[in-house]
Amino acid sequence: MAKVEKIEGVQIHDQAIVETDRLGVGTKVWAFAHVLEGALIGKNCNICDHTLIEGDVVIGDDVTIKSGAYLWDGLRIEDRVFIGPNVTFTNDIRPRSKSYPAQFSSTHIGQGTSIGANATLICGITLGQWTLVGAGSVVTKDVPDYALVYGIPASVKGYVCECCRDLVFKDSFAMCSCGKAYQCKTEGVARTK
């Protein structure tokens, strides 16, 4: 597909290469970003300089992708996700040059998740909603909703509110200073109010 020069309601920098017309209103694509044909990007997203988005990537609304992040085929990103600078995604657990799987592994990033700079995510995992991944972490397995994870390999160190403050549980309940309430159950943390 040829480079798309203009999409109504979308800002595309002159030095960006956008090959898909599937971008939502209010989205901005900055210099030296490359978005391949087929990619689906929601409304009000911010695609920063020096990013690459392959064709089998789906991005929700209000997503920020900072400089140096490459989004490979199979990645699914829900609304309001923050991807920090130089976050590394993978999509093939056993890559070989010029040898491609029938289908790349899928990685799912839940709503409201924030991923810190230079974190690496191994393919085939799911990050639950409103998770927080610390900078430089290596995430090798699924992360539950509201979990704070960091380290190599990343492990759950606590839980955070949707506003990103730490949650302190007492008798399985936590009330954040922002007014949101949570309950810790055997299957994980859930918002109650």
Protein backbone atom coordinates (compact mmCIF):
# COMPACT_ATOMS: atom_id res chain seq x y z
CA MET A 1 0.00 0.00 0.00
CA ALA A 2 1.19 3.50 -0.68
CA LYS A 3 1.96 6.03 2.03
CA VAL A 4 -1.18 7.68 3.38
CA GLU A 5 -0.70 11.45 3.32
CA LYS A 6 -3.85 12.63 5.07
CA ILE A 7 -6.67 11.17 7.15
CA GLU A 8 -9.46 13.45 8.33
CA GLY A 9 -9.01 14.27 12.03
CA VAL A 10 -5.58 12.57 12.27
CA GLN A 11 -2.20 14.32 12.48
CA ILE A 12 0.58 12.59 10.50
CA HIS A 13 4.05 14.15 10.53
CA ASP A 14 5.63 14.64 7.09
CA GLN A 15 8.50 12.34 8.11
CA ALA A 16 6.22 9.48 9.21
CA ILE A 17 5.31 6.54 6.98
CA VAL A 18 1.69 5.49 7.47
CA GLU A 19 0.43 2.73 5.16
CA THR A 20 -2.96 2.14 6.79
CA ASP A 21 -6.02 4.37 6.83
CA ARG A 22 -7.40 2.66 9.94
CA LEU A 23 -6.54 5.40 12.46
CA GLY A 24 -9.09 6.96 14.80
CA VAL A 25 -9.91 10.65 15.05
CA GLY A 26 -7.53 12.64 17.21
CA THR A 27 -4.59 10.25 16.77
CA LYS A 28 -1.15 11.76 16.20
CA VAL A 29 1.73 10.00 14.43
CA TRP A 30 5.09 11.71 14.89
CA ALA A 31 8.31 11.79 12.83
CA PHE A 32 10.07 8.59 11.76
CA ALA A 33 7.20 6.38 12.89
CA HIS A 34 6.22 3.61 10.48
CA VAL A 35 2.72 2.10 10.59
CA LEU A 36 2.20 -0.84 8.21
CA GLU A 37 -0.86 -1.66 6.14
CA GLY A 38 -3.55 -3.45 8.13
CA ALA A 39 -2.72 -1.99 11.55
CA LEU A 40 -5.77 -0.75 13.47
CA ILE A 41 -5.25 2.24 15.78
CA GLY A 42 -8.03 3.77 17.87
CA LYS A 43 -8.97 7.35 18.68
CA ASN A 44 -6.78 9.91 20.45
CA CYS A 45 -3.62 7.81 20.36
CA ASN A 46 -0.12 9.27 20.45
CA ILE A 47 2.43 7.38 18.35
CA CYS A 48 5.82 8.96 19.13
CA ASP A 49 9.00 9.25 17.04
CA HIS A 50 10.95 6.15 15.97
CA THR A 51 8.20 3.59 16.46
CA LEU A 52 7.17 0.68 14.23
CA ILE A 53 3.70 -0.88 14.16
CA GLU A 54 3.25 -4.01 12.05
CA GLY A 55 0.07 -4.86 10.12
CA ASP A 56 -1.48 -7.41 12.51
CA VAL A 57 -1.54 -5.07 15.50
CA VAL A 58 -4.73 -3.76 17.12
CA ILE A 59 -4.53 -0.70 19.37
CA GLY A 60 -7.46 0.71 21.37
CA ASP A 61 -8.34 4.33 22.17
CA ASP A 62 -6.24 6.83 24.18
CA VAL A 63 -3.03 4.77 23.93
CA THR A 64 0.42 6.35 24.21
CA ILE A 65 3.37 4.65 22.53
CA LYS A 66 6.65 6.38 23.39
CA SER A 67 9.75 6.54 21.20
CA GLY A 68 11.67 3.42 20.31
CA ALA A 69 8.85 0.90 20.82
CA TYR A 70 8.27 -1.69 18.07
CA LEU A 71 4.89 -3.41 17.98
CA TRP A 72 5.03 -6.77 16.18
CA ASP A 73 2.26 -8.84 14.57
CA GLY A 74 -0.06 -10.50 17.09
CA LEU A 75 -0.09 -7.68 19.64
CA ARG A 76 -3.49 -6.61 21.02
CA ILE A 77 -3.64 -3.45 23.13
CA GLU A 78 -6.79 -2.27 24.92
CA ASP A 79 -7.76 1.35 25.73
CA ARG A 80 -5.72 3.82 27.82
CA VAL A 81 -2.47 1.83 27.76
CA PHE A 82 0.90 3.56 28.21
CA ILE A 83 3.94 1.97 26.54
CA GLY A 84 7.16 3.60 27.73
CA PRO A 85 10.26 4.37 25.67
CA ASN A 86 12.13 1.40 24.20
CA VAL A 87 9.70 -1.21 25.51
CA THR A 88 10.47 -4.49 23.72
CA PHE A 89 7.78 -6.90 22.58
CA THR A 90 8.42 -10.31 21.02
CA ASN A 91 6.14 -12.48 18.87
CA ASP A 92 8.10 -15.66 18.17
CA ILE A 93 9.36 -17.82 21.03
CA ARG A 94 11.81 -19.70 18.75
CA PRO A 95 12.85 -17.30 15.99
CA ARG A 96 15.09 -18.21 13.07
CA SER A 97 16.17 -15.94 10.24
CA LYS A 98 13.94 -16.33 7.16
CA SER A 99 11.82 -18.97 8.93
CA TYR A 100 8.32 -17.81 9.89
CA PRO A 101 5.66 -19.56 11.97
CA ALA A 102 2.22 -20.19 10.47
CA GLN A 103 0.95 -17.68 13.03
CA PHE A 104 2.84 -15.39 15.39
CA SER A 105 2.17 -15.62 19.13
CA SER A 106 -0.45 -13.24 20.45
CA THR A 107 0.21 -10.94 23.39
CA HIS A 108 -2.65 -9.09 25.09
CA ILE A 109 -2.26 -5.85 27.04
CA GLY A 110 -5.28 -5.03 29.24
CA GLN A 111 -7.01 -1.68 29.64
CA GLY A 112 -5.19 1.00 31.61
CA THR A 113 -1.89 -0.87 31.82
CA SER A 114 1.39 1.08 32.02
CA ILE A 115 4.69 -0.45 30.92
CA GLY A 116 7.89 1.29 32.05
CA ALA A 117 10.87 2.15 29.86
CA ASN A 118 13.05 -0.69 28.55
CA ALA A 119 10.77 -3.45 29.83
CA THR A 120 10.76 -6.65 27.75
CA LEU A 121 7.63 -8.77 27.29
CA ILE A 122 7.98 -12.37 26.14
CA CYS A 123 5.25 -13.28 23.64
CA GLY A 124 2.11 -15.24 24.40
CA ILE A 125 1.29 -13.55 27.70
CA THR A 126 -1.59 -11.43 28.97
CA LEU A 127 -1.20 -8.35 31.13
CA GLY A 128 -4.44 -7.82 33.03
CA GLN A 129 -6.24 -4.51 33.36
CA TRP A 130 -4.56 -1.58 35.13
CA THR A 131 -1.28 -3.42 35.69
CA LEU A 132 1.97 -1.53 36.23
CA VAL A 133 5.23 -2.97 34.84
CA GLY A 134 8.41 -1.45 36.27
CA ALA A 135 11.13 -0.06 34.01
CA GLY A 136 13.69 -2.61 32.85
CA SER A 137 11.60 -5.62 33.86
CA VAL A 138 11.45 -8.86 31.89
CA VAL A 139 7.87 -10.17 31.89
CA THR A 140 7.73 -13.91 31.13
CA LYS A 141 4.24 -14.87 32.31
CA ASP A 142 0.69 -13.55 32.68
CA VAL A 143 0.14 -10.63 35.06
CA PRO A 144 -3.14 -10.34 37.04
CA ASP A 145 -5.34 -7.22 37.08
CA TYR A 146 -4.00 -4.30 39.16
CA ALA A 147 -0.66 -6.02 39.81
CA LEU A 148 2.59 -4.11 40.23
CA VAL A 149 5.38 -6.22 38.72
CA TYR A 150 9.09 -5.64 38.32
CA GLY A 151 12.40 -7.46 38.24
CA ILE A 152 14.12 -10.07 36.08
CA PRO A 153 12.04 -12.10 35.74
CA ALA A 154 9.20 -9.82 36.81
CA SER A 155 7.09 -10.93 39.73
CA VAL A 156 4.13 -9.44 41.60
CA LYS A 157 5.37 -7.01 44.26
CA GLY A 158 2.00 -5.51 45.17
CA TYR A 159 -1.15 -4.01 43.68
CA VAL A 160 -2.05 -0.54 42.41
CA CYS A 161 -5.22 1.48 42.03
CA GLU A 162 -6.43 2.70 38.65
CA CYS A 163 -4.93 6.06 39.68
CA CYS A 164 -1.57 4.21 40.09
CA ARG A 165 -1.22 4.59 43.88
CA ASP A 166 -0.19 1.54 45.91
CA LEU A 167 -3.04 -0.44 47.43
CA VAL A 168 -2.73 -1.50 51.07
CA PHE A 169 -5.06 -4.35 51.96
CA LYS A 170 -6.52 -4.93 55.40
CA ASP A 171 -8.78 -7.96 55.84
CA SER A 172 -8.83 -8.38 52.03
CA PHE A 173 -10.08 -4.81 51.40
CA ALA A 174 -8.28 -1.66 50.26
CA MET A 175 -9.55 1.89 49.89
CA CYS A 176 -7.43 4.26 47.81
CA SER A 177 -7.24 7.95 48.71
CA CYS A 178 -8.86 8.67 45.32
CA GLY A 179 -12.04 6.94 46.57
CA LYS A 180 -11.84 3.66 44.65
CA ALA A 181 -12.22 0.46 46.68
CA TYR A 182 -10.82 -3.03 46.01
CA GLN A 183 -11.17 -6.55 47.33
CA CYS A 184 -8.48 -9.22 47.24
CA LYS A 185 -9.93 -12.66 46.50
CA THR A 186 -8.30 -16.01 45.72
CA GLU A 187 -8.73 -15.33 41.97
CA GLY A 188 -7.12 -11.86 42.26
CA VAL A 189 -7.88 -8.23 42.97
CA ALA A 190 -11.17 -6.65 41.84
CA ARG A 191 -12.53 -3.14 42.09
CA THR A 192 -15.69 -2.91 44.20
CA LYS A 193 -16.40 0.84 44.09
